[in-house]
Amino acid sequence: MTPTLTPEQARQVPGIVRSYLTARDSGRYADAAALFAPDSVVVDDGRTFTGIDAIADWVTESATAVEHTTTLLEHSVVDAETVDLLVRIDGAFPGGTATLRQRFRTDFGVIRRLTIGPAPEPGLTPG
C-alpha cells in the first residue's frame, strides 16, 4: 500500500487523523484501531461497525480486501472535533476509482466516529 499522505500533507493533517492514516498505511492495523474509543462507530459502504472489536476487524478487512492506493486530495478542519478528508481510491474493484469523503469526529484524543461515503457534488454544501 502506498502512503495516503505526502510529507507536506502529514504536517498539515491533525494529529489523531494523521496517526490513524500512518498506522493503517504501514500495516499496523491494531495500532490504527487502538486510536478509536471503545464505543466508537464506523460507517462505511452502508455498513455500521460499533465497538473496538468490530472496528479492528473493519480496519484490517478494508485495508486488505483488495489491492488499492489511497490519495489524499484535500482536507479541512470543520471544527474542533471534525476533520474531513477527500480521498481518491484506485484499485482492483468495480470502476477502479472512487472519490470519497472521510469524516472523522474526535474527542479527547480518540476517534469517536468515522463516516465514509461518496464525495459531495461540487457546489453542494457538505453534510
Protein backbone atom coordinates (compact mmCIF):
# COMPACT_ATOMS: atom_id res chain seq x y z
CA MET A 1 0.00 0.00 0.00
CA THR A 2 1.28 3.47 -0.79
CA PRO A 3 1.13 6.16 1.89
CA THR A 4 -2.05 8.25 1.81
CA LEU A 5 -0.23 11.40 2.91
CA THR A 6 2.69 13.15 1.30
CA PRO A 7 5.23 14.53 3.80
CA GLU A 8 3.72 18.04 3.39
CA GLN A 9 0.18 16.76 3.98
CA ALA A 10 1.37 14.83 7.04
CA ARG A 11 2.47 18.13 8.58
CA GLN A 12 -0.97 19.67 7.95
CA VAL A 13 -3.47 16.92 8.85
CA PRO A 14 -4.42 16.99 12.56
CA GLY A 15 -2.61 14.53 14.85
CA ILE A 16 -5.12 11.75 15.59
CA VAL A 17 -6.22 11.53 11.94
CA ARG A 18 -2.60 11.56 10.78
CA SER A 19 -1.77 8.82 13.31
CA TYR A 20 -4.67 6.68 12.05
CA LEU A 21 -3.67 7.04 8.38
CA THR A 22 0.01 6.40 9.10
CA ALA A 23 -0.72 3.24 11.12
CA ARG A 24 -3.20 1.91 8.56
CA ASP A 25 -0.93 2.66 5.60
CA SER A 26 2.02 0.90 7.25
CA GLY A 27 0.02 -2.25 8.01
CA ARG A 28 -0.19 -1.60 11.76
CA TYR A 29 -3.92 -2.32 11.85
CA ALA A 30 -4.13 -2.94 15.61
CA ASP A 31 -2.44 0.44 16.20
CA ALA A 32 -4.93 2.12 13.84
CA ALA A 33 -7.89 0.50 15.62
CA ALA A 34 -6.49 1.48 19.04
CA LEU A 35 -6.99 5.15 18.12
CA PHE A 36 -10.78 4.67 18.33
CA ALA A 37 -12.74 4.97 21.57
CA PRO A 38 -14.16 1.65 22.88
CA ASP A 39 -17.71 2.71 21.87
CA SER A 40 -16.79 4.32 18.53
CA VAL A 41 -18.77 3.87 15.33
CA VAL A 42 -17.54 3.49 11.76
CA VAL A 43 -19.98 3.76 8.86
CA ASP A 44 -18.53 2.55 5.55
CA ASP A 45 -20.28 1.49 2.36
CA GLY A 46 -23.66 1.31 4.10
CA ARG A 47 -22.36 -0.91 6.89
CA THR A 48 -22.02 0.14 10.52
CA PHE A 49 -19.30 -1.15 12.83
CA THR A 50 -19.73 -0.41 16.53
CA GLY A 51 -17.17 -1.02 19.24
CA ILE A 52 -13.45 -1.56 19.15
CA ASP A 53 -13.56 -5.26 18.19
CA ALA A 54 -15.79 -4.65 15.16
CA ILE A 55 -13.71 -1.62 14.18
CA ALA A 56 -10.46 -3.60 14.48
CA ASP A 57 -11.88 -6.22 12.11
CA TRP A 58 -13.08 -3.48 9.73
CA VAL A 59 -9.67 -1.74 9.67
CA THR A 60 -7.94 -4.96 8.65
CA GLU A 61 -10.58 -6.01 6.14
CA SER A 62 -10.87 -2.59 4.49
CA ALA A 63 -7.11 -2.28 4.16
CA THR A 64 -6.51 -5.77 2.77
CA ALA A 65 -9.66 -6.88 0.88
CA VAL A 66 -8.45 -5.56 -2.48
CA GLU A 67 -5.17 -4.12 -3.66
CA HIS A 68 -5.56 -0.34 -3.74
CA THR A 69 -3.91 3.01 -3.27
CA THR A 70 -5.40 5.94 -1.40
CA THR A 71 -4.52 9.52 -2.30
CA LEU A 72 -5.49 12.49 -0.15
CA LEU A 73 -6.94 15.16 -2.45
CA GLU A 74 -7.77 17.70 0.25
CA HIS A 75 -8.63 18.03 3.90
CA SER A 76 -10.46 20.55 6.04
CA VAL A 77 -10.82 21.11 9.74
CA VAL A 78 -14.55 21.68 10.13
CA ASP A 79 -14.46 22.43 13.85
CA ALA A 80 -12.51 21.41 16.96
CA GLU A 81 -13.83 17.83 16.74
CA THR A 82 -14.35 17.27 13.00
CA VAL A 83 -11.90 16.69 10.16
CA ASP A 84 -12.99 15.94 6.60
CA LEU A 85 -10.75 14.22 4.08
CA LEU A 86 -11.45 13.96 0.37
CA VAL A 87 -9.63 10.87 -0.91
CA ARG A 88 -9.31 9.04 -4.20
CA ILE A 89 -9.14 5.26 -4.03
CA ASP A 90 -7.64 3.44 -7.04
CA GLY A 91 -7.66 -0.33 -7.13
CA ALA A 92 -8.94 -3.71 -8.21
CA PHE A 93 -12.64 -3.12 -7.62
CA PRO A 94 -15.56 -2.36 -9.98
CA GLY A 95 -14.95 1.00 -11.60
CA GLY A 96 -11.32 1.06 -10.45
CA THR A 97 -11.54 4.57 -8.94
CA ALA A 98 -13.72 6.21 -6.33
CA THR A 99 -13.63 9.61 -4.66
CA LEU A 100 -14.83 9.50 -1.07
CA ARG A 101 -15.28 11.79 1.89
CA GLN A 102 -14.00 10.51 5.21
CA ARG A 103 -15.41 12.47 8.14
CA PHE A 104 -13.59 11.96 11.42
CA ARG A 105 -15.21 13.08 14.67
CA THR A 106 -12.75 13.13 17.53
CA ASP A 107 -12.96 13.76 21.24
CA PHE A 108 -10.19 13.95 23.83
CA GLY A 109 -7.55 12.36 21.62
CA VAL A 110 -9.59 9.44 20.26
CA ILE A 111 -11.69 8.90 17.16
CA ARG A 112 -15.38 8.72 18.12
CA ARG A 113 -16.89 8.30 14.67
CA LEU A 114 -15.67 7.80 11.12
CA THR A 115 -18.17 8.11 8.29
CA ILE A 116 -17.05 7.19 4.78
CA GLY A 117 -19.25 7.96 1.82
CA PRO A 118 -19.37 9.45 -1.65
CA ALA A 119 -17.73 12.82 -2.08
CA PRO A 120 -20.23 15.69 -2.15
CA GLU A 121 -21.05 17.07 -5.56
CA PRO A 122 -19.13 20.27 -6.38
CA GLY A 123 -21.08 23.33 -5.32
CA LEU A 124 -23.18 21.47 -2.75
CA THR A 125 -22.84 22.11 0.94
CA PRO A 126 -21.25 19.04 2.58
CA GLY A 127 -23.37 17.42 5.30
